[in-house]
């Protein structure tokens, strides 16, 4: 599988805490890569390193390289805004902006100057609500407050908002953990549909979800990548004892 993202000798520190240790990893293009492991093992830290969200924490230090399409996103002169536009984040809890459903999706289009006229905004709002599987539920109330949606609908709205700025990569930090089973299934189905157009990287604690969605699996423990590979290799024939122990529910 063609690598879209390459992580080389990545180390991350939160003050004196060594959160990520010597990470070397290749993430395939247009696949769903699942990062799994016990709480506190560095999954979210790795995810946020891929769009430079780590820099929002002033106590963070890092070394190493992360390449997207061969370009080091931490190199001098790289536009952080463009990096974050390229790799959108779907968080654990949905955070709709305090505005209408329509304006939530249109917001990114406007601030990035992606739609020069109103009609093209209308078309794109509809397109991305369709991609997120939400259009039929909200098409008659686009100008109602987004906060009036259910939690599951809010998460799909956040997905539409993220897709609207045309990223290459979707980062999901346990994006279904706050949702009911039906809403979670909606998000999973959308991710399966979208992987043909986007590289998707998903952090999850749910082993069943990892098995349903993963095209590529990364297992982390105590800040290190212990094992990575195809689902059949990791789930059916793990090479590391710690991977087997995790899959068997020992920790």
Foldseek 3Di string as FASTA:
>chain_A
DAFQKWWAQKWKDQQPRTQAGGETDTAHALAEEEEEEDPSQNPVVVLCVQLVVVVVRVSMDMDTFMDGVHHTCPDPPRDSVVSCLQEDEQEQFFDQDFFFLLCSQCVLCVVVVVDPDDVVSVVLSQVLCVLLVRCVVCVVPRRDTLVPDDRLSSSSSSSSSSCSSPHQEYEYENNCPVDDPVSSVSRLVSCQVCSNRHRYYYYDHDPVSCLVGGQKYFYGGNNYGPDIGGPCCQQVPDPDPVSVCVNVPVD
